[in-house]
Amino acid sequence: MRKRKTGSPDPAQRAREKKQRVQAFYTPFSALGQHPAAPPPKNRAKKARPVQDVSAAVSVEAEESDRLFQEAMKGVVPIDRAGQERVPPAAPVSTPARFLQQEELEALTHLEDLVSGDIPFELVYSDEYVDGAVVGLSPKVLKKLRNGDFSYQEYVDLHGYTRAEARAVVIDFVQESFARKLRCILIISGRGLNSRDKEPVLKQGLVSWLIRAPLKSMVLAFASARSYDGGAGAFYVLLRRNKGGAPLLTPAN
C-alpha cells in the first residue's frame, strides 16, 4: 500500500533535482545562442571620405615650375628690339606644270635634232664587233640592223685603199646613197690582217668618219655585219630618210 505524500516539496530542492536531470544529458552547444546574429542594416549611411584639397596641390606645382624656370633663365639678357622691322615672307615660286603641249614641244625638238644630225652617237664595243646609233634611236631598230633584217641596197669594198683614199671613197659613197634615198648600205673595211701592223686601220677610221661631219647628218646607226656579209670586217649602215627632192649639196666642212 503506497503512502501518500503530505505537504509540498521545498522549491530549492526541486531546482536542484531539475539541474541534476539536465546534467545527465551531453549538450555541447548549450552555451550557443538559439538564433544567429542579425545582419547589419543595409541602409546604414556610408562614412564620408575626406576631400583632398586639389587647388592647393595645383598651386604648389605651379610655384615649383615657376621657380625652376626662373633658375634656368638666370643670366639671360633680352634682345634689343629697337629699330627692328617685320620682314615680309618671300613670294612663293611656282613650278610650271608639265602640260601636254610642253611634252609635244620637247618631242618635236628631239626629232629636229635627229634630222639635223646634232644628236651624239652611242657606241658599243666588244672584242671585234662595233655598234653605234644616235641617242634616242629605238633599240628594236638597232637590233634588227645587227641581225641583218635590213637588206642592204648597195655596197663598197675598201680593200687596197690607203686611209686617206678610203675616207674619200666612203664620203662619196654615203652621200651618193643618201641622194638616191637608199636606207641600208654595206661598207666592207676589212679586218686589217694584211696591214703593216696587223691592225684594222680602215675599220677604226670608218667608225670615226660615220659619226663626224659631213656624214653624221645622214647616218642613223651602224653595226658589224653578219658572218655571211663580212662579219667583223664589214658594217651595215642605216641612213636617214631623205625627203628632199633637190640634189644633195655637200657642206664646205
Protein backbone atom coordinates (compact mmCIF):
# COMPACT_ATOMS: atom_id res chain seq x y z
CA MET A 1 0.00 0.00 0.00
CA ARG A 2 1.53 3.32 -1.12
CA LYS A 3 1.88 6.08 1.34
CA ARG A 4 0.54 9.44 0.33
CA LYS A 5 2.94 12.30 0.49
CA THR A 6 1.98 15.04 2.72
CA GLY A 7 2.88 18.72 2.20
CA SER A 8 4.54 20.42 -0.85
CA PRO A 9 8.30 19.86 -1.59
CA ASP A 10 10.85 22.57 -0.96
CA PRO A 11 11.36 24.85 -4.11
CA ALA A 12 15.13 24.85 -3.69
CA GLN A 13 15.13 21.10 -3.64
CA ARG A 14 13.07 20.97 -6.85
CA ALA A 15 15.54 23.23 -8.61
CA ARG A 16 18.45 21.04 -7.60
CA GLU A 17 16.66 17.98 -8.86
CA LYS A 18 15.92 19.64 -12.23
CA LYS A 19 19.54 20.67 -12.61
CA GLN A 20 20.68 17.14 -11.90
CA ARG A 21 18.30 15.77 -14.57
CA VAL A 22 19.55 18.28 -17.15
CA GLN A 23 23.24 17.50 -16.49
CA ALA A 24 22.53 13.84 -17.12
CA PHE A 25 22.45 14.64 -20.96
CA TYR A 26 25.54 15.76 -23.07
CA THR A 27 24.75 19.13 -24.52
CA PRO A 28 27.97 20.63 -26.02
CA PHE A 29 26.18 23.50 -27.86
CA SER A 30 24.14 24.62 -24.92
CA ALA A 31 26.26 27.72 -24.48
CA LEU A 32 25.43 28.89 -28.04
CA GLY A 33 22.56 31.21 -28.68
CA GLN A 34 19.39 29.84 -30.21
CA HIS A 35 19.24 32.48 -33.01
CA PRO A 36 22.02 33.73 -35.37
CA ALA A 37 23.18 37.31 -35.08
CA ALA A 38 21.12 39.71 -37.12
CA PRO A 39 22.90 41.22 -40.20
CA PRO A 40 23.70 44.91 -40.08
CA PRO A 41 21.06 47.15 -41.65
CA LYS A 42 21.55 47.81 -45.35
CA ASN A 43 20.56 51.42 -45.23
CA ARG A 44 23.34 52.36 -42.93
CA ALA A 45 24.84 55.65 -44.00
CA LYS A 46 28.32 55.47 -45.62
CA LYS A 47 31.15 57.21 -43.96
CA ALA A 48 32.11 60.37 -45.80
CA ARG A 49 35.64 60.30 -47.27
CA PRO A 50 37.86 63.23 -46.60
CA VAL A 51 38.01 65.61 -49.62
CA GLN A 52 41.52 66.38 -50.83
CA ASP A 53 42.38 69.97 -51.43
CA VAL A 54 43.16 69.82 -55.23
CA SER A 55 43.58 73.55 -55.63
CA ALA A 56 46.33 73.60 -53.03
CA ALA A 57 48.26 70.82 -54.85
CA VAL A 58 47.99 72.65 -58.19
CA SER A 59 49.20 75.85 -56.62
CA VAL A 60 52.26 74.13 -55.15
CA GLU A 61 53.12 72.54 -58.51
CA ALA A 62 52.79 75.88 -60.32
CA GLU A 63 55.08 77.58 -57.81
CA GLU A 64 57.68 74.82 -58.25
CA SER A 65 57.56 75.11 -62.07
CA ASP A 66 57.93 78.88 -61.87
CA ARG A 67 60.93 78.51 -59.55
CA LEU A 68 62.65 76.07 -61.92
CA PHE A 69 62.02 78.38 -64.89
CA GLN A 70 63.49 81.37 -63.08
CA GLU A 71 66.61 79.39 -62.19
CA ALA A 72 67.03 78.28 -65.82
CA MET A 73 66.70 81.86 -67.10
CA LYS A 74 69.36 83.34 -64.83
CA GLY A 75 71.85 85.42 -66.83
CA VAL A 76 69.66 85.60 -69.97
CA VAL A 77 69.58 89.09 -71.50
CA PRO A 78 66.54 90.07 -73.63
CA ILE A 79 67.21 91.00 -77.27
CA ASP A 80 67.14 94.67 -78.07
CA ARG A 81 64.22 95.07 -80.47
CA ALA A 82 64.80 98.75 -81.18
CA GLY A 83 64.79 99.51 -84.90
CA GLN A 84 63.61 96.05 -85.88
CA GLU A 85 61.05 95.60 -88.63
CA ARG A 86 58.93 92.67 -89.67
CA VAL A 87 60.35 91.05 -92.83
CA PRO A 88 57.59 90.00 -95.24
CA PRO A 89 57.70 86.37 -96.40
CA ALA A 90 59.18 85.67 -99.81
CA ALA A 91 56.82 85.20 -102.69
CA PRO A 92 56.23 81.51 -103.45
CA VAL A 93 57.98 80.22 -106.55
CA SER A 94 55.54 78.33 -108.70
CA THR A 95 56.86 75.49 -110.84
CA PRO A 96 55.11 75.38 -114.17
CA ALA A 97 53.02 72.29 -114.69
CA ARG A 98 54.09 69.77 -117.29
CA PHE A 99 51.37 70.13 -119.87
CA LEU A 100 50.85 68.01 -122.94
CA GLN A 101 51.85 70.92 -125.18
CA GLN A 102 55.23 71.17 -123.45
CA GLU A 103 55.83 67.43 -123.86
CA GLU A 104 54.97 67.65 -127.54
CA LEU A 105 57.38 70.56 -127.93
CA GLU A 106 60.20 68.55 -126.35
CA ALA A 107 59.47 65.60 -128.62
CA LEU A 108 59.44 67.88 -131.67
CA THR A 109 62.77 69.41 -130.64
CA HIS A 110 64.26 65.95 -130.24
CA LEU A 111 63.07 64.95 -133.71
CA GLU A 112 64.54 68.12 -135.20
CA ASP A 113 67.89 67.27 -133.62
CA LEU A 114 67.68 63.79 -135.09
CA VAL A 115 67.02 65.18 -138.55
CA SER A 116 69.76 67.79 -138.34
CA GLY A 117 72.31 65.29 -137.05
CA ASP A 118 73.10 67.17 -133.83
CA ILE A 119 72.34 64.17 -131.62
CA PRO A 120 75.52 62.43 -130.41
CA PHE A 121 76.18 58.77 -131.08
CA GLU A 122 76.20 55.94 -128.57
CA LEU A 123 78.91 53.38 -129.32
CA VAL A 124 79.10 49.79 -128.06
CA TYR A 125 82.40 47.93 -128.43
CA SER A 126 83.07 44.22 -128.00
CA ASP A 127 86.08 42.10 -128.92
CA GLU A 128 85.65 42.60 -132.68
CA TYR A 129 82.18 43.98 -133.20
CA VAL A 130 81.21 47.64 -133.02
CA ASP A 131 77.72 49.12 -132.91
CA GLY A 132 76.71 52.77 -132.99
CA ALA A 133 73.44 54.70 -133.06
CA VAL A 134 72.19 58.21 -132.49
CA VAL A 135 70.92 58.86 -128.98
CA GLY A 136 67.17 58.21 -128.84
CA LEU A 137 67.01 55.62 -131.59
CA SER A 138 64.76 52.70 -130.72
CA PRO A 139 66.73 49.64 -129.55
CA LYS A 140 64.48 47.49 -131.74
CA VAL A 141 65.81 49.23 -134.86
CA LEU A 142 69.42 48.64 -133.85
CA LYS A 143 68.65 45.01 -133.03
CA LYS A 144 67.18 44.47 -136.49
CA LEU A 145 70.24 46.08 -138.03
CA ARG A 146 72.56 43.75 -136.10
CA ASN A 147 70.55 40.71 -137.17
CA GLY A 148 70.74 41.70 -140.83
CA ASP A 149 66.96 42.16 -141.10
CA PHE A 150 67.50 45.21 -143.36
CA SER A 151 68.64 44.14 -146.81
CA TYR A 152 71.49 46.35 -147.95
CA GLN A 153 70.85 48.06 -151.28
CA GLU A 154 74.42 48.93 -152.25
CA TYR A 155 77.94 48.18 -151.03
CA VAL A 156 81.54 49.35 -151.36
CA ASP A 157 84.78 47.44 -150.71
CA LEU A 158 87.73 49.38 -149.24
CA HIS A 159 90.38 46.69 -149.70
CA GLY A 160 93.51 48.10 -151.37
CA TYR A 161 92.88 51.73 -150.38
CA THR A 162 95.02 53.83 -148.12
CA ARG A 163 93.40 55.56 -145.13
CA ALA A 164 93.11 58.91 -146.97
CA GLU A 165 91.78 57.27 -150.14
CA ALA A 166 89.30 55.16 -148.15
CA ARG A 167 87.91 58.25 -146.39
CA ALA A 168 87.20 59.99 -149.66
CA VAL A 169 85.57 56.85 -151.08
CA VAL A 170 83.35 56.43 -148.00
CA ILE A 171 82.19 60.05 -148.04
CA ASP A 172 81.31 59.90 -151.72
CA PHE A 173 79.57 56.55 -151.35
CA VAL A 174 77.43 57.58 -148.37
CA GLN A 175 76.45 60.93 -149.90
CA GLU A 176 75.52 59.32 -153.20
CA SER A 177 73.48 56.62 -151.42
CA PHE A 178 71.65 59.26 -149.38
CA ALA A 179 70.92 61.27 -152.51
CA ARG A 180 69.47 58.12 -154.12
CA LYS A 181 67.27 57.73 -150.99
CA LEU A 182 68.77 54.38 -150.09
CA ARG A 183 68.18 53.28 -146.47
CA CYS A 184 70.67 50.46 -145.84
CA ILE A 185 74.14 50.07 -147.32
CA LEU A 186 77.15 47.83 -146.67
CA ILE A 187 80.73 49.06 -146.28
CA ILE A 188 83.49 46.44 -146.27
CA SER A 189 86.53 47.74 -144.37
CA GLY A 190 88.44 44.50 -143.79
CA ARG A 191 89.97 43.27 -140.54
CA GLY A 192 93.44 44.66 -141.18
CA LEU A 193 95.10 41.26 -141.43
CA ASN A 194 97.13 42.38 -144.42
CA SER A 195 98.12 45.77 -142.98
CA ARG A 196 101.67 46.56 -141.88
CA ASP A 197 100.99 46.39 -138.11
CA LYS A 198 98.16 43.85 -138.42
CA GLU A 199 95.73 46.49 -137.09
CA PRO A 200 92.30 47.31 -138.55
CA VAL A 201 93.22 50.86 -139.57
CA LEU A 202 90.35 51.31 -142.04
CA LYS A 203 87.86 49.78 -139.59
CA GLN A 204 88.79 52.27 -136.88
CA GLY A 205 88.75 55.13 -139.33
CA LEU A 206 85.33 54.13 -140.69
CA VAL A 207 83.71 54.42 -137.25
CA SER A 208 85.24 57.88 -136.82
CA TRP A 209 84.07 59.04 -140.26
CA LEU A 210 80.48 57.90 -139.78
CA ILE A 211 79.94 59.80 -136.51
CA ARG A 212 81.51 63.08 -137.69
CA ALA A 213 80.69 65.69 -140.29
CA PRO A 214 79.84 65.56 -143.10
CA LEU A 215 78.34 62.06 -142.72
CA LYS A 216 76.81 62.22 -139.21
CA SER A 217 73.80 64.16 -140.50
CA MET A 218 72.96 61.26 -142.84
CA VAL A 219 73.63 58.22 -140.61
CA LEU A 220 71.17 56.81 -138.06
CA ALA A 221 73.07 53.70 -136.98
CA PHE A 222 75.70 51.17 -137.99
CA ALA A 223 76.58 47.70 -136.81
CA SER A 224 79.07 44.95 -137.60
CA ALA A 225 77.72 42.73 -140.37
CA ARG A 226 76.72 39.08 -140.12
CA SER A 227 79.34 36.48 -140.97
CA TYR A 228 77.88 35.83 -144.44
CA ASP A 229 78.17 39.58 -145.24
CA GLY A 230 81.73 40.05 -144.00
CA GLY A 231 81.44 39.68 -140.22
CA ALA A 232 83.68 41.95 -138.15
CA GLY A 233 85.31 43.29 -141.33
CA ALA A 234 82.11 44.93 -142.65
CA PHE A 235 79.39 47.28 -141.46
CA TYR A 236 75.69 47.68 -142.08
CA VAL A 237 74.92 51.40 -142.25
CA LEU A 238 71.34 52.64 -141.75
CA LEU A 239 70.78 56.03 -143.40
CA ARG A 240 68.20 58.66 -142.51
CA ARG A 241 65.15 59.09 -144.65
CA ASN A 242 65.80 61.65 -147.39
CA LYS A 243 62.57 63.52 -148.06
CA GLY A 244 64.10 66.25 -150.16
CA GLY A 245 63.71 66.35 -153.93
CA ALA A 246 66.59 68.69 -154.69
CA PRO A 247 70.09 67.40 -155.46
CA LEU A 248 72.29 66.82 -152.42
CA LEU A 249 74.65 69.71 -151.65
CA THR A 250 77.79 68.82 -149.71
CA PRO A 251 78.61 71.39 -146.99
CA ALA A 252 82.02 73.02 -147.02
CA ASN A 253 83.02 71.43 -143.71
